[in-house]
N, C-alpha and C. Protein backbone atom coordinates (compact mmCIF):
# COMPACT_ATOMS: atom_id res chain seq x y z
N UNK A 1 -70.35 107.59 65.13
CA UNK A 1 -70.90 107.91 63.81
C UNK A 1 -72.20 107.14 63.61
N UNK A 2 -73.01 107.65 62.70
CA UNK A 2 -74.24 106.96 62.31
C UNK A 2 -74.28 106.91 60.79
N UNK A 3 -74.57 105.74 60.25
CA UNK A 3 -74.59 105.55 58.80
C UNK A 3 -76.00 105.16 58.34
N UNK A 4 -76.49 105.82 57.31
CA UNK A 4 -77.76 105.49 56.67
C UNK A 4 -77.45 104.84 55.33
N UNK A 5 -77.95 103.63 55.13
CA UNK A 5 -77.65 102.86 53.92
C UNK A 5 -78.93 102.60 53.15
N UNK A 6 -78.93 102.95 51.88
CA UNK A 6 -80.12 102.78 51.04
C UNK A 6 -80.38 101.31 50.77
N UNK A 7 -81.65 100.99 50.55
CA UNK A 7 -81.99 99.69 49.99
C UNK A 7 -81.33 99.60 48.61
N UNK A 8 -80.67 98.48 48.28
CA UNK A 8 -79.97 98.39 46.99
C UNK A 8 -80.85 98.81 45.82
N UNK A 9 -80.29 99.64 44.95
CA UNK A 9 -81.02 100.09 43.76
C UNK A 9 -81.81 101.36 43.96
N UNK A 10 -81.78 101.95 45.18
CA UNK A 10 -82.53 103.17 45.45
C UNK A 10 -81.60 104.33 45.76
N UNK A 11 -82.10 105.54 45.52
CA UNK A 11 -81.42 106.75 45.98
C UNK A 11 -81.53 106.86 47.51
N UNK A 12 -80.64 107.62 48.11
CA UNK A 12 -80.89 108.25 49.41
C UNK A 12 -81.32 109.68 49.11
N UNK A 13 -82.47 110.07 49.67
CA UNK A 13 -83.14 111.29 49.21
C UNK A 13 -84.03 111.77 50.34
N UNK A 14 -83.48 112.57 51.29
CA UNK A 14 -84.24 112.99 52.47
C UNK A 14 -84.02 114.47 52.74
N UNK A 15 -84.92 115.05 53.55
CA UNK A 15 -84.76 116.44 53.99
C UNK A 15 -83.79 116.53 55.17
N UNK A 16 -84.13 115.87 56.28
CA UNK A 16 -83.35 116.00 57.51
C UNK A 16 -83.19 114.66 58.21
N UNK A 17 -82.05 114.49 58.87
CA UNK A 17 -81.75 113.31 59.67
C UNK A 17 -81.39 113.79 61.06
N UNK A 18 -82.16 113.37 62.06
CA UNK A 18 -81.90 113.78 63.44
C UNK A 18 -81.78 112.54 64.32
N UNK A 19 -80.66 112.43 65.04
CA UNK A 19 -80.51 111.40 66.07
C UNK A 19 -80.64 112.09 67.43
N UNK A 20 -81.29 111.42 68.38
CA UNK A 20 -81.50 111.99 69.70
C UNK A 20 -81.02 111.01 70.76
N UNK A 21 -80.55 111.56 71.88
CA UNK A 21 -80.17 110.71 72.99
C UNK A 21 -81.38 110.42 73.86
N UNK A 22 -81.17 109.77 75.01
CA UNK A 22 -82.30 109.33 75.83
C UNK A 22 -83.07 110.48 76.45
N UNK A 23 -82.48 111.68 76.48
CA UNK A 23 -83.22 112.86 76.94
C UNK A 23 -83.75 113.66 75.75
N UNK A 24 -83.65 113.07 74.56
CA UNK A 24 -84.15 113.66 73.31
C UNK A 24 -83.40 114.93 72.92
N UNK A 25 -82.15 115.04 73.35
CA UNK A 25 -81.29 116.11 72.87
C UNK A 25 -80.80 115.75 71.47
N UNK A 26 -80.74 116.75 70.60
CA UNK A 26 -80.31 116.58 69.21
C UNK A 26 -78.80 116.32 69.17
N UNK A 27 -78.40 115.20 68.55
CA UNK A 27 -76.99 114.82 68.47
C UNK A 27 -76.35 115.17 67.13
N UNK A 28 -77.14 115.49 66.12
CA UNK A 28 -76.63 115.49 64.75
C UNK A 28 -76.64 116.83 64.03
N UNK A 29 -77.56 117.73 64.36
CA UNK A 29 -77.67 118.97 63.61
C UNK A 29 -76.38 119.77 63.71
N UNK A 30 -75.84 120.15 62.56
CA UNK A 30 -74.59 120.91 62.50
C UNK A 30 -73.33 120.07 62.52
N UNK A 31 -73.46 118.73 62.60
CA UNK A 31 -72.28 117.88 62.65
C UNK A 31 -71.79 117.54 61.22
N UNK A 32 -70.51 117.15 61.08
CA UNK A 32 -69.96 116.83 59.75
C UNK A 32 -70.64 115.58 59.16
N UNK A 33 -70.91 115.63 57.87
CA UNK A 33 -71.58 114.51 57.19
C UNK A 33 -70.91 114.27 55.84
N UNK A 34 -71.05 113.03 55.38
CA UNK A 34 -70.50 112.65 54.08
C UNK A 34 -71.45 111.66 53.43
N UNK A 35 -71.33 111.50 52.11
CA UNK A 35 -72.13 110.48 51.42
C UNK A 35 -71.31 109.92 50.27
N UNK A 36 -71.73 108.76 49.80
CA UNK A 36 -70.94 108.03 48.80
C UNK A 36 -71.01 108.66 47.43
N UNK A 37 -72.04 109.44 47.14
CA UNK A 37 -72.16 110.13 45.85
C UNK A 37 -73.16 111.27 46.00
N UNK A 38 -73.13 112.19 45.08
CA UNK A 38 -74.05 113.33 45.11
C UNK A 38 -74.62 113.54 43.71
N UNK A 39 -75.92 113.64 43.61
CA UNK A 39 -76.58 113.84 42.32
C UNK A 39 -76.01 115.07 41.61
N UNK A 40 -75.63 114.88 40.34
CA UNK A 40 -75.09 115.96 39.51
C UNK A 40 -73.82 116.57 40.10
N UNK A 41 -73.22 115.89 41.09
CA UNK A 41 -72.03 116.39 41.80
C UNK A 41 -72.25 117.80 42.33
N UNK A 42 -73.49 118.09 42.73
CA UNK A 42 -73.88 119.42 43.17
C UNK A 42 -74.06 119.42 44.69
N UNK A 43 -72.97 119.70 45.42
CA UNK A 43 -73.04 119.66 46.88
C UNK A 43 -73.93 120.75 47.45
N UNK A 44 -74.04 121.87 46.78
CA UNK A 44 -74.89 122.94 47.28
C UNK A 44 -76.36 122.55 47.33
N UNK A 45 -76.82 121.88 46.29
CA UNK A 45 -78.23 121.50 46.23
C UNK A 45 -78.51 120.15 46.87
N UNK A 46 -77.55 119.21 46.79
CA UNK A 46 -77.83 117.82 47.18
C UNK A 46 -76.79 117.22 48.12
N UNK A 47 -75.87 118.02 48.64
CA UNK A 47 -74.75 117.50 49.41
C UNK A 47 -75.14 116.99 50.78
N UNK A 48 -74.23 116.25 51.43
CA UNK A 48 -74.53 115.55 52.68
C UNK A 48 -74.86 116.47 53.85
N UNK A 49 -74.30 117.69 53.86
CA UNK A 49 -74.56 118.60 54.98
C UNK A 49 -76.01 119.06 55.02
N UNK A 50 -76.72 118.93 53.91
CA UNK A 50 -78.11 119.40 53.86
C UNK A 50 -79.03 118.62 54.79
N UNK A 51 -78.65 117.39 55.17
CA UNK A 51 -79.50 116.58 56.04
C UNK A 51 -79.30 116.90 57.52
N UNK A 52 -78.31 117.73 57.83
CA UNK A 52 -78.06 118.09 59.23
C UNK A 52 -77.93 119.60 59.40
N UNK A 53 -78.58 120.36 58.51
CA UNK A 53 -78.47 121.82 58.58
C UNK A 53 -79.65 122.47 59.30
N UNK A 54 -80.60 121.66 59.79
CA UNK A 54 -81.75 122.20 60.48
C UNK A 54 -82.76 122.87 59.57
N UNK A 55 -82.59 122.70 58.27
CA UNK A 55 -83.47 123.33 57.27
C UNK A 55 -84.24 122.25 56.54
N UNK A 56 -85.54 122.17 56.76
CA UNK A 56 -86.34 121.11 56.14
C UNK A 56 -86.69 121.41 54.69
N UNK A 57 -86.14 122.48 54.12
CA UNK A 57 -86.33 122.76 52.70
C UNK A 57 -85.16 122.28 51.85
N UNK A 58 -84.02 121.97 52.49
CA UNK A 58 -82.85 121.48 51.76
C UNK A 58 -82.85 119.95 51.79
N UNK A 59 -82.21 119.34 50.80
CA UNK A 59 -82.24 117.88 50.68
C UNK A 59 -80.85 117.32 50.39
N UNK A 60 -80.66 116.05 50.73
CA UNK A 60 -79.56 115.28 50.17
C UNK A 60 -80.13 114.41 49.05
N UNK A 61 -79.27 114.07 48.12
CA UNK A 61 -79.71 113.21 47.01
C UNK A 61 -78.48 112.53 46.44
N UNK A 62 -78.37 111.22 46.60
CA UNK A 62 -77.25 110.47 46.03
C UNK A 62 -77.57 110.05 44.60
N UNK A 63 -76.58 109.44 43.99
CA UNK A 63 -76.80 108.73 42.74
C UNK A 63 -77.22 107.30 43.07
N UNK A 64 -77.47 106.48 42.04
CA UNK A 64 -77.79 105.07 42.26
C UNK A 64 -77.34 104.27 41.04
N UNK A 65 -77.57 102.95 41.07
CA UNK A 65 -77.21 102.10 39.93
C UNK A 65 -75.72 102.02 39.75
N UNK A 66 -75.26 102.02 38.49
CA UNK A 66 -73.83 101.90 38.21
C UNK A 66 -73.04 103.06 38.81
N UNK A 67 -73.66 104.23 38.90
CA UNK A 67 -72.97 105.40 39.44
C UNK A 67 -72.73 105.28 40.95
N UNK A 68 -73.60 104.56 41.63
CA UNK A 68 -73.45 104.32 43.08
C UNK A 68 -74.30 103.12 43.45
N UNK A 69 -73.74 101.92 43.37
CA UNK A 69 -74.54 100.71 43.62
C UNK A 69 -74.99 100.55 45.08
N UNK A 70 -74.30 101.21 46.02
CA UNK A 70 -74.64 101.08 47.45
C UNK A 70 -74.62 102.46 48.12
N UNK A 71 -75.61 103.29 47.83
CA UNK A 71 -75.62 104.63 48.41
C UNK A 71 -75.65 104.60 49.94
N UNK A 72 -74.83 105.45 50.55
CA UNK A 72 -74.78 105.56 52.00
C UNK A 72 -74.45 106.99 52.39
N UNK A 73 -74.97 107.39 53.54
CA UNK A 73 -74.74 108.73 54.10
C UNK A 73 -74.29 108.54 55.54
N UNK A 74 -73.31 109.31 55.99
CA UNK A 74 -72.75 109.15 57.33
C UNK A 74 -72.62 110.50 58.02
N UNK A 75 -72.99 110.54 59.30
CA UNK A 75 -72.79 111.73 60.12
C UNK A 75 -71.83 111.38 61.26
N UNK A 76 -70.89 112.27 61.53
CA UNK A 76 -69.91 112.09 62.58
C UNK A 76 -70.38 112.86 63.82
N UNK A 77 -70.66 112.15 64.92
CA UNK A 77 -71.13 112.79 66.15
C UNK A 77 -70.00 113.47 66.91
N UNK A 78 -68.77 113.22 66.49
CA UNK A 78 -67.56 113.84 67.07
C UNK A 78 -67.28 113.43 68.51
N UNK A 79 -68.04 112.49 69.03
CA UNK A 79 -67.84 111.92 70.36
C UNK A 79 -68.78 110.72 70.47
N UNK A 80 -68.57 109.89 71.48
CA UNK A 80 -69.46 108.76 71.71
C UNK A 80 -70.70 109.22 72.46
N UNK A 81 -71.86 108.83 71.98
CA UNK A 81 -73.12 109.21 72.60
C UNK A 81 -74.06 108.00 72.64
N UNK A 82 -74.91 107.98 73.64
CA UNK A 82 -76.02 107.03 73.65
C UNK A 82 -77.05 107.51 72.64
N UNK A 83 -77.46 106.64 71.73
CA UNK A 83 -78.45 107.00 70.70
C UNK A 83 -79.75 106.28 71.01
N UNK A 84 -80.81 107.04 71.21
CA UNK A 84 -82.12 106.47 71.55
C UNK A 84 -83.08 106.45 70.38
N UNK A 85 -83.02 107.48 69.53
CA UNK A 85 -84.05 107.65 68.51
C UNK A 85 -83.46 108.25 67.25
N UNK A 86 -83.89 107.73 66.10
CA UNK A 86 -83.59 108.32 64.80
C UNK A 86 -84.89 108.83 64.21
N UNK A 87 -84.88 110.08 63.78
CA UNK A 87 -86.07 110.71 63.20
C UNK A 87 -85.67 111.33 61.86
N UNK A 88 -86.34 110.94 60.79
CA UNK A 88 -86.02 111.43 59.45
C UNK A 88 -87.20 112.22 58.90
N UNK A 89 -86.91 113.38 58.35
CA UNK A 89 -87.91 114.09 57.56
C UNK A 89 -87.76 113.60 56.13
N UNK A 90 -88.67 112.74 55.74
CA UNK A 90 -88.59 112.03 54.47
C UNK A 90 -88.93 112.95 53.31
N UNK A 91 -88.27 112.75 52.19
CA UNK A 91 -88.45 113.58 51.01
C UNK A 91 -89.64 113.11 50.20
N UNK A 92 -90.56 114.03 49.95
CA UNK A 92 -91.69 113.75 49.06
C UNK A 92 -91.49 114.52 47.75
N UNK A 93 -92.23 114.16 46.74
CA UNK A 93 -92.16 114.84 45.45
C UNK A 93 -93.50 115.50 45.14
N UNK A 94 -93.45 116.75 44.73
CA UNK A 94 -94.68 117.48 44.41
C UNK A 94 -95.31 118.06 45.65
N UNK A 95 -96.11 117.24 46.35
CA UNK A 95 -96.68 117.66 47.63
C UNK A 95 -96.66 116.47 48.58
N UNK A 96 -97.17 116.67 49.80
CA UNK A 96 -97.06 115.62 50.81
C UNK A 96 -97.86 114.37 50.47
N UNK A 97 -98.79 114.45 49.53
CA UNK A 97 -99.51 113.23 49.10
C UNK A 97 -98.59 112.30 48.33
N UNK A 98 -97.59 112.88 47.63
CA UNK A 98 -96.52 112.10 47.00
C UNK A 98 -97.06 111.00 46.09
N UNK A 99 -98.19 111.26 45.45
CA UNK A 99 -98.88 110.20 44.71
C UNK A 99 -98.19 109.84 43.40
N UNK A 100 -97.56 110.82 42.75
CA UNK A 100 -97.08 110.59 41.39
C UNK A 100 -95.85 109.69 41.33
N UNK A 101 -94.85 109.95 42.20
CA UNK A 101 -93.57 109.25 42.08
C UNK A 101 -93.22 108.37 43.26
N UNK A 102 -93.98 108.42 44.36
CA UNK A 102 -93.67 107.67 45.57
C UNK A 102 -92.23 107.89 46.02
N UNK A 103 -91.84 109.16 46.10
CA UNK A 103 -90.49 109.47 46.59
C UNK A 103 -90.32 109.07 48.04
N UNK A 104 -91.40 109.14 48.84
CA UNK A 104 -91.32 108.73 50.23
C UNK A 104 -90.91 107.26 50.36
N UNK A 105 -91.31 106.46 49.39
CA UNK A 105 -91.02 105.03 49.43
C UNK A 105 -89.58 104.68 49.13
N UNK A 106 -88.80 105.65 48.67
CA UNK A 106 -87.40 105.35 48.36
C UNK A 106 -86.60 104.96 49.60
N UNK A 107 -87.07 105.37 50.77
CA UNK A 107 -86.37 105.03 52.02
C UNK A 107 -86.76 103.63 52.53
N UNK A 108 -87.71 102.98 51.90
CA UNK A 108 -88.16 101.66 52.35
C UNK A 108 -86.98 100.70 52.48
N UNK A 109 -86.93 100.00 53.61
CA UNK A 109 -85.93 98.97 53.89
C UNK A 109 -84.50 99.50 54.00
N UNK A 110 -84.35 100.83 54.08
CA UNK A 110 -83.02 101.39 54.35
C UNK A 110 -82.60 101.03 55.77
N UNK A 111 -81.30 101.00 56.00
CA UNK A 111 -80.74 100.57 57.29
C UNK A 111 -79.97 101.72 57.94
N UNK A 112 -80.11 101.84 59.25
CA UNK A 112 -79.31 102.77 60.04
C UNK A 112 -78.35 101.96 60.90
N UNK A 113 -77.06 102.25 60.79
CA UNK A 113 -76.04 101.58 61.58
C UNK A 113 -75.40 102.57 62.56
N UNK A 114 -75.22 102.15 63.80
CA UNK A 114 -74.48 102.91 64.79
C UNK A 114 -73.05 102.38 64.83
N UNK A 115 -72.08 103.29 64.71
CA UNK A 115 -70.68 102.89 64.60
C UNK A 115 -69.88 103.39 65.81
N UNK A 116 -68.89 102.59 66.23
CA UNK A 116 -68.01 103.06 67.29
C UNK A 116 -66.88 103.88 66.68
N UNK A 117 -65.89 104.26 67.50
CA UNK A 117 -64.84 105.16 66.99
C UNK A 117 -63.85 104.45 66.07
N UNK A 118 -64.02 103.11 65.90
CA UNK A 118 -63.23 102.36 64.93
C UNK A 118 -64.06 101.98 63.71
N UNK A 119 -65.26 102.57 63.61
CA UNK A 119 -66.21 102.32 62.52
C UNK A 119 -66.75 100.89 62.52
N UNK A 120 -66.69 100.22 63.67
CA UNK A 120 -67.35 98.93 63.81
C UNK A 120 -68.84 99.15 64.07
N UNK A 121 -69.69 98.32 63.48
CA UNK A 121 -71.13 98.43 63.70
C UNK A 121 -71.48 97.85 65.06
N UNK A 122 -72.07 98.68 65.93
CA UNK A 122 -72.44 98.22 67.28
C UNK A 122 -73.94 97.95 67.38
N UNK A 123 -74.72 98.49 66.47
CA UNK A 123 -76.16 98.22 66.44
C UNK A 123 -76.69 98.68 65.09
N UNK A 124 -77.80 98.10 64.68
CA UNK A 124 -78.42 98.52 63.43
C UNK A 124 -79.90 98.18 63.44
N UNK A 125 -80.67 98.97 62.73
CA UNK A 125 -82.09 98.72 62.54
C UNK A 125 -82.47 99.16 61.13
N UNK A 126 -83.55 98.58 60.61
CA UNK A 126 -84.01 98.91 59.26
C UNK A 126 -85.44 99.40 59.28
N UNK A 127 -85.73 100.30 58.35
CA UNK A 127 -87.10 100.75 58.16
C UNK A 127 -87.89 99.69 57.40
N UNK A 128 -89.19 99.72 57.56
CA UNK A 128 -90.07 98.91 56.73
C UNK A 128 -90.46 99.70 55.49
N UNK A 129 -91.70 99.54 55.06
CA UNK A 129 -92.22 100.28 53.92
C UNK A 129 -92.49 101.72 54.34
N UNK A 130 -91.81 102.67 53.72
CA UNK A 130 -91.98 104.08 54.07
C UNK A 130 -92.90 104.83 53.11
N UNK A 131 -93.59 104.10 52.25
CA UNK A 131 -94.55 104.74 51.35
C UNK A 131 -95.58 105.52 52.16
N UNK A 132 -95.72 106.80 51.89
CA UNK A 132 -96.68 107.63 52.59
C UNK A 132 -96.24 108.08 53.98
N UNK A 133 -95.02 107.73 54.40
CA UNK A 133 -94.56 108.07 55.75
C UNK A 133 -93.67 109.31 55.68
N UNK A 134 -94.14 110.42 56.23
CA UNK A 134 -93.41 111.67 56.17
C UNK A 134 -92.27 111.73 57.18
N UNK A 135 -92.45 111.12 58.35
CA UNK A 135 -91.41 111.15 59.40
C UNK A 135 -91.17 109.73 59.92
N UNK A 136 -90.37 108.93 59.22
CA UNK A 136 -90.04 107.59 59.71
C UNK A 136 -89.16 107.69 60.96
N UNK A 137 -89.39 106.76 61.89
CA UNK A 137 -88.66 106.74 63.16
C UNK A 137 -88.05 105.37 63.39
N UNK A 138 -86.90 105.34 64.05
CA UNK A 138 -86.30 104.10 64.54
C UNK A 138 -85.95 104.30 66.01
N UNK A 139 -86.44 103.41 66.86
CA UNK A 139 -86.21 103.51 68.31
C UNK A 139 -85.11 102.54 68.71
N UNK A 140 -84.00 103.07 69.22
CA UNK A 140 -82.90 102.23 69.69
C UNK A 140 -82.91 102.08 71.20
N UNK A 141 -84.01 102.46 71.85
CA UNK A 141 -84.11 102.37 73.30
C UNK A 141 -84.07 100.90 73.74
N UNK A 142 -83.14 100.56 74.61
CA UNK A 142 -83.00 99.17 75.06
C UNK A 142 -83.20 99.02 76.56
N UNK A 143 -83.81 100.00 77.21
CA UNK A 143 -83.85 99.95 78.66
C UNK A 143 -84.78 98.86 79.19
N UNK A 144 -85.59 98.25 78.33
CA UNK A 144 -86.45 97.16 78.79
C UNK A 144 -85.80 95.79 78.61
N UNK A 145 -84.57 95.78 78.10
CA UNK A 145 -83.91 94.49 77.91
C UNK A 145 -83.51 93.91 79.26
N UNK A 146 -83.40 92.58 79.32
CA UNK A 146 -83.03 91.89 80.56
C UNK A 146 -81.53 92.01 80.80
N UNK A 147 -81.11 92.50 81.95
CA UNK A 147 -79.66 92.64 82.19
C UNK A 147 -78.97 91.29 82.30
N UNK A 148 -77.70 91.27 81.94
CA UNK A 148 -76.90 90.05 82.06
C UNK A 148 -76.57 89.81 83.53
N UNK A 149 -76.44 88.54 83.94
CA UNK A 149 -76.07 88.27 85.33
C UNK A 149 -74.69 88.81 85.63
N UNK A 150 -74.49 89.25 86.88
CA UNK A 150 -73.20 89.84 87.27
C UNK A 150 -72.19 88.79 87.70
N UNK A 151 -72.61 87.54 87.92
CA UNK A 151 -71.69 86.49 88.35
C UNK A 151 -72.14 85.16 87.77
N UNK A 152 -71.18 84.27 87.53
CA UNK A 152 -71.51 82.93 87.04
C UNK A 152 -72.07 82.09 88.17
N UNK A 153 -73.02 81.19 87.88
CA UNK A 153 -73.55 80.34 88.94
C UNK A 153 -72.51 79.32 89.40
N UNK A 154 -72.56 78.93 90.66
CA UNK A 154 -71.65 77.89 91.17
C UNK A 154 -72.12 76.51 90.71
N UNK A 155 -71.18 75.57 90.67
CA UNK A 155 -71.53 74.23 90.23
C UNK A 155 -72.44 73.53 91.23
N UNK A 156 -72.17 73.71 92.51
CA UNK A 156 -72.96 73.04 93.55
C UNK A 156 -73.50 74.06 94.53
N UNK A 157 -74.81 74.11 94.76
CA UNK A 157 -75.35 75.06 95.73
C UNK A 157 -74.85 74.72 97.13
N UNK A 158 -74.70 75.77 97.96
CA UNK A 158 -74.17 75.56 99.32
C UNK A 158 -75.23 75.04 100.26
N UNK A 159 -76.49 75.22 99.94
CA UNK A 159 -77.58 74.76 100.80
C UNK A 159 -78.61 74.01 99.97
N UNK A 160 -79.17 72.97 100.56
CA UNK A 160 -80.26 72.26 99.89
C UNK A 160 -81.54 73.08 100.00
N UNK A 161 -82.38 73.01 98.99
CA UNK A 161 -83.64 73.76 99.08
C UNK A 161 -84.54 73.18 100.16
N UNK A 162 -85.29 74.05 100.83
CA UNK A 162 -86.24 73.57 101.84
C UNK A 162 -87.45 72.96 101.15
N UNK A 163 -88.11 72.04 101.85
CA UNK A 163 -89.27 71.39 101.26
C UNK A 163 -90.46 72.33 101.17
N UNK A 164 -90.51 73.32 102.05
CA UNK A 164 -91.63 74.27 102.05
C UNK A 164 -91.07 75.69 102.11
N UNK A 165 -91.03 76.35 101.00
CA UNK A 165 -90.52 77.72 101.02
C UNK A 165 -91.38 78.62 101.89
N UNK A 166 -90.75 79.60 102.55
CA UNK A 166 -91.47 80.47 103.48
C UNK A 166 -92.23 81.58 102.78
N UNK A 167 -91.93 81.85 101.54
CA UNK A 167 -92.62 82.93 100.83
C UNK A 167 -92.68 82.61 99.35
N UNK A 168 -93.71 83.11 98.72
CA UNK A 168 -93.84 82.93 97.27
C UNK A 168 -92.82 83.81 96.57
N UNK A 169 -92.33 83.37 95.41
CA UNK A 169 -91.37 84.21 94.69
C UNK A 169 -92.02 85.50 94.25
N UNK A 170 -91.25 86.59 94.29
CA UNK A 170 -91.78 87.87 93.84
C UNK A 170 -91.75 87.94 92.33
N UNK A 171 -92.61 88.76 91.77
CA UNK A 171 -92.65 88.93 90.32
C UNK A 171 -91.40 89.67 89.87
N UNK A 172 -90.97 89.38 88.63
CA UNK A 172 -89.79 90.06 88.10
C UNK A 172 -90.10 91.53 87.91
N UNK A 173 -89.20 92.40 88.34
CA UNK A 173 -89.45 93.83 88.16
C UNK A 173 -89.41 94.21 86.70
N UNK A 174 -90.22 95.16 86.32
CA UNK A 174 -90.24 95.67 84.95
C UNK A 174 -89.84 97.13 84.98
N UNK A 175 -88.84 97.49 84.21
CA UNK A 175 -88.38 98.87 84.15
C UNK A 175 -89.20 99.62 83.12
N UNK A 176 -89.81 100.73 83.52
CA UNK A 176 -90.60 101.54 82.60
C UNK A 176 -89.72 102.65 82.05
N UNK A 177 -89.56 102.68 80.75
CA UNK A 177 -88.66 103.66 80.14
C UNK A 177 -89.28 105.03 80.00
N UNK A 178 -90.58 105.14 80.11
CA UNK A 178 -91.27 106.39 79.87
C UNK A 178 -92.25 106.67 81.00
N UNK A 179 -92.54 107.95 81.30
CA UNK A 179 -93.52 108.29 82.33
C UNK A 179 -94.94 107.97 81.87
N UNK A 180 -95.83 107.75 82.83
CA UNK A 180 -97.24 107.53 82.52
C UNK A 180 -98.04 108.76 82.92
N UNK A 181 -99.14 109.00 82.22
CA UNK A 181 -99.98 110.16 82.49
C UNK A 181 -101.39 109.90 82.00
N UNK A 182 -102.36 110.57 82.61
CA UNK A 182 -103.74 110.48 82.13
C UNK A 182 -104.16 111.74 81.40
N UNK A 183 -103.45 112.85 81.65
CA UNK A 183 -103.68 114.10 80.93
C UNK A 183 -102.32 114.72 80.60
N UNK A 184 -102.32 115.58 79.60
CA UNK A 184 -101.11 116.30 79.23
C UNK A 184 -101.47 117.78 79.11
N UNK A 185 -100.66 118.63 79.74
CA UNK A 185 -100.92 120.07 79.73
C UNK A 185 -99.79 120.81 79.03
N UNK A 186 -100.14 121.70 78.11
CA UNK A 186 -99.20 122.57 77.42
C UNK A 186 -99.36 123.97 78.00
N UNK A 187 -98.26 124.56 78.52
CA UNK A 187 -98.32 125.83 79.23
C UNK A 187 -97.42 126.85 78.55
N UNK A 188 -97.96 128.02 78.25
CA UNK A 188 -97.16 129.14 77.78
C UNK A 188 -96.62 129.90 79.00
N UNK A 189 -95.31 130.09 79.04
CA UNK A 189 -94.70 130.75 80.21
C UNK A 189 -94.00 132.05 79.84
N UNK A 190 -94.21 132.53 78.62
CA UNK A 190 -93.45 133.69 78.14
C UNK A 190 -94.33 134.89 77.86
N UNK A 191 -95.61 134.86 78.26
CA UNK A 191 -96.51 135.95 77.91
C UNK A 191 -97.03 135.87 76.50
N UNK A 192 -96.75 134.74 75.83
CA UNK A 192 -97.18 134.57 74.44
C UNK A 192 -98.46 133.75 74.36
N UNK A 193 -99.13 133.86 73.20
CA UNK A 193 -100.28 133.01 72.91
C UNK A 193 -99.85 131.54 72.85
N UNK A 194 -100.79 130.63 73.07
CA UNK A 194 -100.66 129.25 72.58
C UNK A 194 -101.36 129.22 71.23
N UNK A 195 -100.65 128.80 70.19
CA UNK A 195 -101.10 129.04 68.83
C UNK A 195 -100.45 127.98 67.94
N UNK A 196 -101.04 126.79 67.86
CA UNK A 196 -100.44 125.66 67.15
C UNK A 196 -101.46 125.01 66.23
N UNK A 197 -100.98 124.23 65.28
CA UNK A 197 -101.85 123.45 64.41
C UNK A 197 -102.32 122.16 65.10
N UNK A 198 -101.38 121.32 65.51
CA UNK A 198 -101.73 120.00 66.05
C UNK A 198 -100.82 119.65 67.22
N UNK A 199 -101.35 118.88 68.16
CA UNK A 199 -100.60 118.36 69.30
C UNK A 199 -100.77 116.84 69.30
N UNK A 200 -99.67 116.10 69.17
CA UNK A 200 -99.74 114.64 69.13
C UNK A 200 -98.79 114.08 70.18
N UNK A 201 -99.29 113.23 71.08
CA UNK A 201 -98.46 112.46 71.99
C UNK A 201 -98.48 111.00 71.53
N UNK A 202 -97.35 110.33 71.69
CA UNK A 202 -97.24 108.93 71.24
C UNK A 202 -96.69 108.07 72.37
N UNK A 203 -97.11 106.81 72.39
CA UNK A 203 -96.59 105.88 73.39
C UNK A 203 -95.29 105.26 72.89
N UNK A 204 -94.77 104.27 73.61
CA UNK A 204 -93.46 103.71 73.29
C UNK A 204 -93.44 102.96 71.96
N UNK A 205 -94.62 102.61 71.44
CA UNK A 205 -94.69 102.00 70.11
C UNK A 205 -95.08 103.02 69.06
N UNK A 206 -95.10 104.30 69.46
CA UNK A 206 -95.41 105.43 68.60
C UNK A 206 -96.85 105.42 68.10
N UNK A 207 -97.74 104.80 68.87
CA UNK A 207 -99.17 104.90 68.59
C UNK A 207 -99.68 106.26 69.08
N UNK A 208 -100.57 106.88 68.31
CA UNK A 208 -101.13 108.19 68.62
C UNK A 208 -102.05 108.09 69.83
N UNK A 209 -101.79 108.88 70.87
CA UNK A 209 -102.58 108.84 72.10
C UNK A 209 -103.60 109.98 72.18
N UNK A 210 -103.51 110.99 71.31
CA UNK A 210 -104.24 112.22 71.54
C UNK A 210 -105.29 112.57 70.49
N UNK A 211 -105.09 112.19 69.26
CA UNK A 211 -106.02 112.61 68.21
C UNK A 211 -107.44 112.12 68.50
N UNK A 212 -108.40 113.07 68.49
CA UNK A 212 -109.79 112.73 68.75
C UNK A 212 -110.18 112.74 70.21
N UNK A 213 -109.22 112.99 71.12
CA UNK A 213 -109.51 112.98 72.55
C UNK A 213 -110.03 114.36 73.01
N UNK A 214 -110.61 114.38 74.20
CA UNK A 214 -111.18 115.61 74.77
C UNK A 214 -110.07 116.59 75.15
N UNK A 215 -110.26 117.88 74.79
CA UNK A 215 -109.26 118.91 75.07
C UNK A 215 -109.94 120.17 75.60
N UNK A 216 -109.19 120.95 76.33
CA UNK A 216 -109.69 122.23 76.86
C UNK A 216 -108.54 123.21 76.90
N UNK A 217 -108.87 124.54 76.96
CA UNK A 217 -107.85 125.56 77.12
C UNK A 217 -108.39 126.68 78.00
N UNK A 218 -107.49 127.48 78.56
CA UNK A 218 -107.89 128.49 79.54
C UNK A 218 -108.63 129.65 78.92
N UNK A 219 -108.43 129.92 77.64
CA UNK A 219 -109.15 130.99 76.94
C UNK A 219 -109.12 130.73 75.45
N UNK A 220 -110.01 131.40 74.71
CA UNK A 220 -110.07 131.23 73.26
C UNK A 220 -110.20 132.62 72.61
N UNK A 221 -109.37 132.90 71.64
CA UNK A 221 -109.37 134.19 70.97
C UNK A 221 -110.76 134.52 70.41
N UNK A 222 -111.27 135.71 70.75
CA UNK A 222 -112.57 136.18 70.31
C UNK A 222 -113.71 135.27 70.77
N UNK A 223 -113.41 134.39 71.74
CA UNK A 223 -114.41 133.41 72.21
C UNK A 223 -115.00 132.59 71.07
N UNK A 224 -114.17 132.35 70.06
CA UNK A 224 -114.62 131.66 68.83
C UNK A 224 -114.08 130.25 68.83
N UNK A 225 -114.83 129.32 69.42
CA UNK A 225 -114.37 127.93 69.49
C UNK A 225 -114.36 127.25 68.13
N UNK A 226 -115.15 127.74 67.20
CA UNK A 226 -115.15 127.14 65.87
C UNK A 226 -113.85 127.44 65.13
């Protein structure tokens, strides 16, 4: 299970919640969900299933304050899975500028907990300030962590060290969790146009790698590059 916990005193109020495994397969869409309260007790408009229905027009919305002092939302993965990434489509008010009410900021400092099949917390991470952030992300990838030793060291070494080692120590290996590339190619393989608004690639810290960079394509409709 995965639990989303609001910062105390705030609503939980989002469009979609998606957890992905290390191959970025969707773990949550269509899975059972629950929440501690529902605004106006209206499950159709604000109920927990709306965050995992694959529809970015539907929302969840809890109560807060005395009606729900600790709002939380939980999705049941129905099996144990490796969780690599949490991606939320954050709820804005009015339009994506969200200037009037700062609804995007309601998710600030919320916590995501990963639970085992006994509902014990096995890992957790918190968002920072989500003001102005339409798609907050949490990366649970741990493949760069240092592995634990497989055996305890002996009390006394069996051999004394030589006064002059025969070789310099090798550098510690570093495991790269992601592939490296100097270019990225998008290919249509279905006889269809390539026809998109924006293409963004991000590195492991989610820094934008592509905006403003040089791009080319095999053809342009009406030869109209503008």
